[in-house]
Amino acid sequence: MFRSLLLFAVAITSASLCAAPSSMSSAFSLLRPKNTVVFIGDSITDGGRARTGRDYNHTMGQSYAFILAAMLGDQLAERDLTFINRGISGNTVPDLQARWKTDVIDLKPDFLSILVGVNDTFFPKGGGETVEQYEQGYDKLLGETLAALPGVKIVLGQPFLLPVGKFKDNYAASLAELKARQSAVDRLAAKYHLPVIRYQETFDAACRRAPADHWSWDGVHPHYAGHGLMAGAWMETVSAMR
């Protein structure tokens, strides 16, 4: 039953994402045989993943990263892709900097997906960081990665927020605060010629179909439906990359 539902989701997603009547394989031509795909970020990516072991059902967590690994692992099975989740709950850009060599550079990914910013904005550590420091730190990560792994493909995830939980009453002010970091991501994407997954716009559109608490339980962390939505947005962006 689960496999039937998953295949149905893949079919629907594939049909909606591919502009031409091409196969899933041609839509994701940048993912080549034996490629390694790394997802890195905070708790949204983490998804409660296990830190040890070789059981992908646990090490990939229960986030959009797992959904993507399941769908692409099935549809691109002949390429024998490897998917690795390196999200850690609570992480900010400084946290990523501290572990970047081990969790990115040393893994030598062929494709890197990054989502970070909500903790930097609303749950900073120590004295916190300014938007300028966030952008400078993120910039350094991207520069180091492209220098160390010149062939790597990178996609940037837009940090997002929904009007749920403690963010509901003062949502406009909170979103305005986050938008400063969303703009920083856009500037970095322009600098390095990288695509951005527009998660905020994706959730905004989804909230016209169902209430915000259908997609997220606290405004930051998605429900399963929200993770499914993120996976679709990821596929739409990445399928257009060459």
C-alpha atoms as a PDB file:
ATOM      1  CA  MET A   1       0.000   0.000   0.000  1.00  0.00           C
ATOM      2  CA  PHE A   2       2.756   2.445   0.996  1.00  0.00           C
ATOM      3  CA  ARG A   3       4.718   1.694  -2.171  1.00  0.00           C
ATOM      4  CA  SER A   4       1.598   2.305  -4.272  1.00  0.00           C
ATOM      5  CA  LEU A   5       1.047   5.671  -2.608  1.00  0.00           C
ATOM      6  CA  LEU A   6       4.695   6.610  -3.051  1.00  0.00           C
ATOM      7  CA  LEU A   7       4.655   5.679  -6.719  1.00  0.00           C
ATOM      8  CA  PHE A   8       1.465   7.683  -7.138  1.00  0.00           C
ATOM      9  CA  ALA A   9       3.187  10.696  -5.523  1.00  0.00           C
ATOM     10  CA  VAL A  10       6.194  10.263  -7.778  1.00  0.00           C
ATOM     11  CA  ALA A  11       3.985  10.091 -10.850  1.00  0.00           C
ATOM     12  CA  ILE A  12       2.070  13.226  -9.875  1.00  0.00           C
ATOM     13  CA  THR A  13       5.250  15.114  -8.971  1.00  0.00           C
ATOM     14  CA  SER A  14       7.044  14.046 -12.123  1.00  0.00           C
ATOM     15  CA  ALA A  15       4.143  15.057 -14.319  1.00  0.00           C
ATOM     16  CA  SER A  16       3.920  18.488 -12.741  1.00  0.00           C
ATOM     17  CA  LEU A  17       7.643  19.185 -12.630  1.00  0.00           C
ATOM     18  CA  CYS A  18       8.756  18.231 -16.097  1.00  0.00           C
ATOM     19  CA  ALA A  19       7.963  20.876 -18.677  1.00  0.00           C
ATOM     20  CA  ALA A  20       8.509  18.411 -21.522  1.00  0.00           C
ATOM     21  CA  PRO A  21       7.250  14.822 -21.658  1.00  0.00           C
ATOM     22  CA  SER A  22      10.681  13.584 -20.626  1.00  0.00           C
ATOM     23  CA  SER A  23      11.464  10.923 -18.095  1.00  0.00           C
ATOM     24  CA  MET A  24      12.550  11.456 -14.496  1.00  0.00           C
ATOM     25  CA  SER A  25      16.057  10.494 -15.603  1.00  0.00           C
ATOM     26  CA  SER A  26      16.388  13.318 -18.093  1.00  0.00           C
ATOM     27  CA  ALA A  27      14.841  15.799 -15.649  1.00  0.00           C
ATOM     28  CA  PHE A  28      17.620  15.071 -13.138  1.00  0.00           C
ATOM     29  CA  SER A  29      20.466  14.712 -15.606  1.00  0.00           C
ATOM     30  CA  LEU A  30      22.912  16.441 -13.235  1.00  0.00           C
ATOM     31  CA  LEU A  31      22.668  13.480 -10.842  1.00  0.00           C
ATOM     32  CA  ARG A  32      25.045  10.969 -12.353  1.00  0.00           C
ATOM     33  CA  PRO A  33      25.786   7.323 -11.500  1.00  0.00           C
ATOM     34  CA  LYS A  34      27.395   6.828  -8.056  1.00  0.00           C
ATOM     35  CA  ASN A  35      26.847  10.489  -7.111  1.00  0.00           C
ATOM     36  CA  THR A  36      26.580  11.474  -3.454  1.00  0.00           C
ATOM     37  CA  VAL A  37      23.878  13.921  -2.365  1.00  0.00           C
ATOM     38  CA  VAL A  38      24.319  15.653   1.002  1.00  0.00           C
ATOM     39  CA  PHE A  39      21.592  17.561   2.835  1.00  0.00           C
ATOM     40  CA  ILE A  40      22.803  19.898   5.567  1.00  0.00           C
ATOM     41  CA  GLY A  41      21.079  22.338   7.869  1.00  0.00           C
ATOM     42  CA  ASP A  42      19.144  22.473  11.128  1.00  0.00           C
ATOM     43  CA  SER A  43      16.271  20.509  12.693  1.00  0.00           C
ATOM     44  CA  ILE A  44      14.065  20.899   9.614  1.00  0.00           C
ATOM     45  CA  THR A  45      16.594  18.785   7.707  1.00  0.00           C
ATOM     46  CA  ASP A  46      17.615  16.664  10.702  1.00  0.00           C
ATOM     47  CA  GLY A  47      14.160  15.129  11.080  1.00  0.00           C
ATOM     48  CA  GLY A  48      15.224  13.142  14.154  1.00  0.00           C
ATOM     49  CA  ARG A  49      17.828  11.184  12.222  1.00  0.00           C
ATOM     50  CA  ALA A  50      20.053   8.590  13.889  1.00  0.00           C
ATOM     51  CA  ARG A  51      23.671   9.689  14.209  1.00  0.00           C
ATOM     52  CA  THR A  52      25.149   6.216  13.853  1.00  0.00           C
ATOM     53  CA  GLY A  53      24.397   3.012  11.991  1.00  0.00           C
ATOM     54  CA  ARG A  54      23.908   2.071   8.360  1.00  0.00           C
ATOM     55  CA  ASP A  55      20.122   1.729   8.304  1.00  0.00           C
ATOM     56  CA  TYR A  56      19.014   4.512   5.964  1.00  0.00           C
ATOM     57  CA  ASN A  57      15.498   4.348   7.420  1.00  0.00           C
ATOM     58  CA  HIS A  58      17.030   5.883  10.544  1.00  0.00           C
ATOM     59  CA  THR A  59      20.073   7.830   9.343  1.00  0.00           C
ATOM     60  CA  MET A  60      18.018   9.832   6.832  1.00  0.00           C
ATOM     61  CA  GLY A  61      15.544  11.010   9.479  1.00  0.00           C
ATOM     62  CA  GLN A  62      11.888  11.834   8.804  1.00  0.00           C
ATOM     63  CA  SER A  63      12.182  15.064   6.861  1.00  0.00           C
ATOM     64  CA  TYR A  64      11.958  16.201   3.247  1.00  0.00           C
ATOM     65  CA  ALA A  65      15.441  14.698   2.813  1.00  0.00           C
ATOM     66  CA  PHE A  66      14.080  11.196   3.466  1.00  0.00           C
ATOM     67  CA  ILE A  67      11.183  11.741   1.051  1.00  0.00           C
ATOM     68  CA  LEU A  68      13.607  12.874  -1.648  1.00  0.00           C
ATOM     69  CA  ALA A  69      15.991   9.979  -1.032  1.00  0.00           C
ATOM     70  CA  ALA A  70      13.045   7.561  -1.297  1.00  0.00           C
ATOM     71  CA  MET A  71      11.643   9.049  -4.488  1.00  0.00           C
ATOM     72  CA  LEU A  72      14.914   9.610  -6.328  1.00  0.00           C
ATOM     73  CA  GLY A  73      16.397   6.373  -5.024  1.00  0.00           C
ATOM     74  CA  ASP A  74      13.481   4.566  -6.622  1.00  0.00           C
ATOM     75  CA  GLN A  75      13.147   6.484  -9.878  1.00  0.00           C
ATOM     76  CA  LEU A  76      16.908   6.727 -10.472  1.00  0.00           C
ATOM     77  CA  ALA A  77      17.776   3.302  -9.068  1.00  0.00           C
ATOM     78  CA  GLU A  78      20.122   2.461 -11.921  1.00  0.00           C
ATOM     79  CA  ARG A  79      22.402   5.360 -10.895  1.00  0.00           C
ATOM     80  CA  ASP A  80      23.006   3.940  -7.401  1.00  0.00           C
ATOM     81  CA  LEU A  81      22.927   7.365  -5.748  1.00  0.00           C
ATOM     82  CA  THR A  82      23.986   7.831  -2.121  1.00  0.00           C
ATOM     83  CA  PHE A  83      21.975  10.199   0.094  1.00  0.00           C
ATOM     84  CA  ILE A  84      23.400  11.565   3.343  1.00  0.00           C
ATOM     85  CA  ASN A  85      21.596  13.684   5.936  1.00  0.00           C
ATOM     86  CA  ARG A  86      23.802  16.031   7.976  1.00  0.00           C
ATOM     87  CA  GLY A  87      21.111  18.233   9.490  1.00  0.00           C
ATOM     88  CA  ILE A  88      21.515  18.940  13.211  1.00  0.00           C
ATOM     89  CA  SER A  89      18.754  20.429  15.328  1.00  0.00           C
ATOM     90  CA  GLY A  90      19.380  23.984  16.491  1.00  0.00           C
ATOM     91  CA  ASN A  91      22.195  24.669  14.063  1.00  0.00           C
ATOM     92  CA  THR A  92      23.086  28.150  12.860  1.00  0.00           C
ATOM     93  CA  VAL A  93      25.673  29.269  10.315  1.00  0.00           C
ATOM     94  CA  PRO A  94      28.440  29.335  12.993  1.00  0.00           C
ATOM     95  CA  ASP A  95      27.527  25.753  13.908  1.00  0.00           C
ATOM     96  CA  LEU A  96      27.814  24.713  10.265  1.00  0.00           C
ATOM     97  CA  GLN A  97      31.196  26.427  10.046  1.00  0.00           C
ATOM     98  CA  ALA A  98      32.449  24.375  12.995  1.00  0.00           C
ATOM     99  CA  ARG A  99      31.613  21.060  11.321  1.00  0.00           C
ATOM    100  CA  TRP A 100      31.770  21.929   7.623  1.00  0.00           C
ATOM    101  CA  LYS A 101      35.002  20.072   6.864  1.00  0.00           C
ATOM    102  CA  THR A 102      33.804  16.823   8.437  1.00  0.00           C
ATOM    103  CA  ASP A 103      30.183  16.941   7.331  1.00  0.00           C
ATOM    104  CA  VAL A 104      30.625  18.399   3.848  1.00  0.00           C
ATOM    105  CA  ILE A 105      34.142  18.706   2.458  1.00  0.00           C
ATOM    106  CA  ASP A 106      35.350  15.296   3.667  1.00  0.00           C
ATOM    107  CA  LEU A 107      32.225  13.606   2.266  1.00  0.00           C
ATOM    108  CA  LYS A 108      33.032  14.981  -1.202  1.00  0.00           C
ATOM    109  CA  PRO A 109      29.412  15.393  -2.291  1.00  0.00           C
ATOM    110  CA  ASP A 110      28.551  15.769  -5.947  1.00  0.00           C
ATOM    111  CA  PHE A 111      25.383  17.613  -4.945  1.00  0.00           C
ATOM    112  CA  LEU A 112      24.881  19.737  -1.832  1.00  0.00           C
ATOM    113  CA  SER A 113      21.551  21.020  -0.486  1.00  0.00           C
ATOM    114  CA  ILE A 114      21.722  23.698   2.235  1.00  0.00           C
ATOM    115  CA  LEU A 115      18.946  25.080   4.446  1.00  0.00           C
ATOM    116  CA  VAL A 116      19.899  27.330   7.370  1.00  0.00           C
ATOM    117  CA  GLY A 117      18.695  30.620   8.825  1.00  0.00           C
ATOM    118  CA  VAL A 118      15.667  30.219  11.058  1.00  0.00           C
ATOM    119  CA  ASN A 119      17.746  29.550  14.188  1.00  0.00           C
ATOM    120  CA  ASP A 120      20.101  32.400  13.302  1.00  0.00           C
ATOM    121  CA  THR A 121      17.040  34.665  13.278  1.00  0.00           C
ATOM    122  CA  PHE A 122      14.883  33.470  16.181  1.00  0.00           C
ATOM    123  CA  PHE A 123      16.991  31.109  18.297  1.00  0.00           C
ATOM    124  CA  PRO A 124      20.566  32.514  18.263  1.00  0.00           C
ATOM    125  CA  LYS A 125      23.258  31.190  20.540  1.00  0.00           C
ATOM    126  CA  GLY A 126      25.541  33.228  22.747  1.00  0.00           C
ATOM    127  CA  GLY A 127      25.356  36.843  21.721  1.00  0.00           C
ATOM    128  CA  GLY A 128      23.631  35.967  18.478  1.00  0.00           C
ATOM    129  CA  GLU A 129      24.723  37.196  15.076  1.00  0.00           C
ATOM    130  CA  THR A 130      23.779  40.060  12.817  1.00  0.00           C
ATOM    131  CA  VAL A 131      22.380  39.577   9.333  1.00  0.00           C
ATOM    132  CA  GLU A 132      25.765  40.740   8.029  1.00  0.00           C
ATOM    133  CA  GLN A 133      27.568  38.081  10.070  1.00  0.00           C
ATOM    134  CA  TYR A 134      25.099  35.444   8.856  1.00  0.00           C
ATOM    135  CA  GLU A 135      25.755  36.412   5.253  1.00  0.00           C
ATOM    136  CA  GLN A 136      29.522  36.626   5.693  1.00  0.00           C
ATOM    137  CA  GLY A 137      29.684  33.225   7.382  1.00  0.00           C
ATOM    138  CA  TYR A 138      27.432  31.623   4.769  1.00  0.00           C
ATOM    139  CA  ASP A 139      29.514  33.267   2.026  1.00  0.00           C
ATOM    140  CA  LYS A 140      32.677  31.747   3.476  1.00  0.00           C
ATOM    141  CA  LEU A 141      31.114  28.273   3.516  1.00  0.00           C
ATOM    142  CA  LEU A 142      30.113  28.510  -0.126  1.00  0.00           C
ATOM    143  CA  GLY A 143      33.481  29.884  -1.218  1.00  0.00           C
ATOM    144  CA  GLU A 144      35.397  27.177   0.634  1.00  0.00           C
ATOM    145  CA  THR A 145      33.162  24.469  -0.785  1.00  0.00           C
ATOM    146  CA  LEU A 146      33.489  25.564  -4.394  1.00  0.00           C
ATOM    147  CA  ALA A 147      37.258  25.893  -3.978  1.00  0.00           C
ATOM    148  CA  ALA A 148      37.645  22.440  -2.420  1.00  0.00           C
ATOM    149  CA  LEU A 149      35.054  20.707  -4.617  1.00  0.00           C
ATOM    150  CA  PRO A 150      35.038  22.612  -7.933  1.00  0.00           C
ATOM    151  CA  GLY A 151      32.591  20.240  -9.602  1.00  0.00           C
ATOM    152  CA  VAL A 152      29.964  20.250  -6.858  1.00  0.00           C
ATOM    153  CA  LYS A 153      26.410  21.353  -7.608  1.00  0.00           C
ATOM    154  CA  ILE A 154      24.747  23.401  -4.851  1.00  0.00           C
ATOM    155  CA  VAL A 155      21.178  24.457  -4.170  1.00  0.00           C
ATOM    156  CA  LEU A 156      20.222  26.920  -1.421  1.00  0.00           C
ATOM    157  CA  GLY A 157      17.022  26.560   0.569  1.00  0.00           C
ATOM    158  CA  GLN A 158      15.166  29.719   1.534  1.00  0.00           C
ATOM    159  CA  PRO A 159      14.502  29.870   5.297  1.00  0.00           C
ATOM    160  CA  PHE A 160      10.778  30.186   5.956  1.00  0.00           C
ATOM    161  CA  LEU A 161       8.194  30.904   8.638  1.00  0.00           C
ATOM    162  CA  LEU A 162       4.462  30.229   9.023  1.00  0.00           C
ATOM    163  CA  PRO A 163       1.912  31.979  11.266  1.00  0.00           C
ATOM    164  CA  VAL A 164       1.583  29.178  13.812  1.00  0.00           C
ATOM    165  CA  GLY A 165       2.247  28.897  17.540  1.00  0.00           C
ATOM    166  CA  LYS A 166       4.136  31.748  19.136  1.00  0.00           C
ATOM    167  CA  PHE A 167       4.666  33.330  15.708  1.00  0.00           C
ATOM    168  CA  LYS A 168       0.943  33.684  14.961  1.00  0.00           C
ATOM    169  CA  ASP A 169       0.162  36.931  16.796  1.00  0.00           C
ATOM    170  CA  ASN A 170       3.190  38.920  15.616  1.00  0.00           C
ATOM    171  CA  TYR A 171       3.720  37.100  12.348  1.00  0.00           C
ATOM    172  CA  ALA A 172       4.240  40.178  10.164  1.00  0.00           C
ATOM    173  CA  ALA A 173       7.053  41.469  12.367  1.00  0.00           C
ATOM    174  CA  SER A 174       8.674  38.037  12.682  1.00  0.00           C
ATOM    175  CA  LEU A 175       8.499  37.417   8.943  1.00  0.00           C
ATOM    176  CA  ALA A 176      10.017  40.832   8.258  1.00  0.00           C
ATOM    177  CA  GLU A 177      12.917  39.863  10.500  1.00  0.00           C
ATOM    178  CA  LEU A 178      13.426  36.589   8.646  1.00  0.00           C
ATOM    179  CA  LYS A 179      13.159  38.288   5.251  1.00  0.00           C
ATOM    180  CA  ALA A 180      16.484  40.015   5.938  1.00  0.00           C
ATOM    181  CA  ARG A 181      18.139  36.599   5.908  1.00  0.00           C
ATOM    182  CA  GLN A 182      16.064  35.444   2.958  1.00  0.00           C
ATOM    183  CA  SER A 183      17.484  38.430   1.072  1.00  0.00           C
ATOM    184  CA  ALA A 184      20.986  37.457   2.169  1.00  0.00           C
ATOM    185  CA  VAL A 185      20.434  33.997   0.666  1.00  0.00           C
ATOM    186  CA  ASP A 186      19.297  35.628  -2.566  1.00  0.00           C
ATOM    187  CA  ARG A 187      22.434  37.778  -2.703  1.00  0.00           C
ATOM    188  CA  LEU A 188      24.674  34.748  -2.162  1.00  0.00           C
ATOM    189  CA  ALA A 189      22.793  32.807  -4.826  1.00  0.00           C
ATOM    190  CA  ALA A 190      23.348  35.667  -7.276  1.00  0.00           C
ATOM    191  CA  LYS A 191      27.032  35.922  -6.357  1.00  0.00           C
ATOM    192  CA  TYR A 192      27.722  32.225  -6.912  1.00  0.00           C
ATOM    193  CA  HIS A 193      25.093  31.641  -9.628  1.00  0.00           C
ATOM    194  CA  LEU A 194      23.160  29.129  -7.526  1.00  0.00           C
ATOM    195  CA  PRO A 195      19.451  28.312  -7.573  1.00  0.00           C
ATOM    196  CA  VAL A 196      17.232  29.015  -4.553  1.00  0.00           C
ATOM    197  CA  ILE A 197      14.336  26.823  -3.449  1.00  0.00           C
ATOM    198  CA  ARG A 198      11.563  29.310  -2.665  1.00  0.00           C
ATOM    199  CA  TYR A 199      10.141  27.592   0.392  1.00  0.00           C
ATOM    200  CA  GLN A 200       8.476  30.733   1.754  1.00  0.00           C
ATOM    201  CA  GLU A 201       6.527  31.300  -1.440  1.00  0.00           C
ATOM    202  CA  THR A 202       5.699  27.596  -1.577  1.00  0.00           C
ATOM    203  CA  PHE A 203       4.228  27.618   1.930  1.00  0.00           C
ATOM    204  CA  ASP A 204       2.460  30.937   1.338  1.00  0.00           C
ATOM    205  CA  ALA A 205       0.687  29.412  -1.665  1.00  0.00           C
ATOM    206  CA  ALA A 206      -0.086  26.231   0.261  1.00  0.00           C
ATOM    207  CA  CYS A 207      -1.705  28.244   3.057  1.00  0.00           C
ATOM    208  CA  ARG A 208      -4.326  29.344   0.548  1.00  0.00           C
ATOM    209  CA  ARG A 209      -5.305  25.687   0.199  1.00  0.00           C
ATOM    210  CA  ALA A 210      -5.202  24.705   3.876  1.00  0.00           C
ATOM    211  CA  PRO A 211      -4.517  26.488   7.174  1.00  0.00           C
ATOM    212  CA  ALA A 212      -0.924  27.145   8.196  1.00  0.00           C
ATOM    213  CA  ASP A 213      -1.127  24.600  11.021  1.00  0.00           C
ATOM    214  CA  HIS A 214      -1.826  21.911   8.424  1.00  0.00           C
ATOM    215  CA  TRP A 215       1.716  22.443   7.136  1.00  0.00           C
ATOM    216  CA  SER A 216       3.617  23.232  10.354  1.00  0.00           C
ATOM    217  CA  TRP A 217       2.974  22.574  14.026  1.00  0.00           C
ATOM    218  CA  ASP A 218       4.917  25.566  15.396  1.00  0.00           C
ATOM    219  CA  GLY A 219       5.616  27.865  12.446  1.00  0.00           C
ATOM    220  CA  VAL A 220       9.159  26.546  11.996  1.00  0.00           C
ATOM    221  CA  HIS A 221       8.956  22.755  11.809  1.00  0.00           C
ATOM    222  CA  PRO A 222       6.766  21.211   9.095  1.00  0.00           C
ATOM    223  CA  HIS A 223       4.243  18.434   9.588  1.00  0.00           C
ATOM    224  CA  TYR A 224       4.518  15.468   7.195  1.00  0.00           C
ATOM    225  CA  ALA A 225       2.425  17.439   4.694  1.00  0.00           C
ATOM    226  CA  GLY A 226       4.879  20.329   4.953  1.00  0.00           C
ATOM    227  CA  HIS A 227       7.838  18.052   4.356  1.00  0.00           C
ATOM    228  CA  GLY A 228       6.060  16.642   1.332  1.00  0.00           C
ATOM    229  CA  LEU A 229       5.550  20.185   0.094  1.00  0.00           C
ATOM    230  CA  MET A 230       9.241  20.943   0.612  1.00  0.00           C
ATOM    231  CA  ALA A 231      10.247  17.825  -1.299  1.00  0.00           C
ATOM    232  CA  GLY A 232       8.110  18.912  -4.235  1.00  0.00           C
ATOM    233  CA  ALA A 233       9.622  22.408  -4.242  1.00  0.00           C
ATOM    234  CA  TRP A 234      13.122  20.900  -4.044  1.00  0.00           C
ATOM    235  CA  MET A 235      12.423  18.634  -7.012  1.00  0.00           C
ATOM    236  CA  GLU A 236      10.969  21.467  -9.063  1.00  0.00           C
ATOM    237  CA  THR A 237      14.080  23.591  -8.540  1.00  0.00           C
ATOM    238  CA  VAL A 238      16.662  20.848  -8.896  1.00  0.00           C
ATOM    239  CA  SER A 239      15.018  19.265 -11.947  1.00  0.00           C
ATOM    240  CA  ALA A 240      15.646  22.549 -13.795  1.00  0.00           C
ATOM    241  CA  MET A 241      19.370  22.567 -12.951  1.00  0.00           C
ATOM    242  CA  ARG A 242      21.910  21.611 -15.579  1.00  0.00           C
END
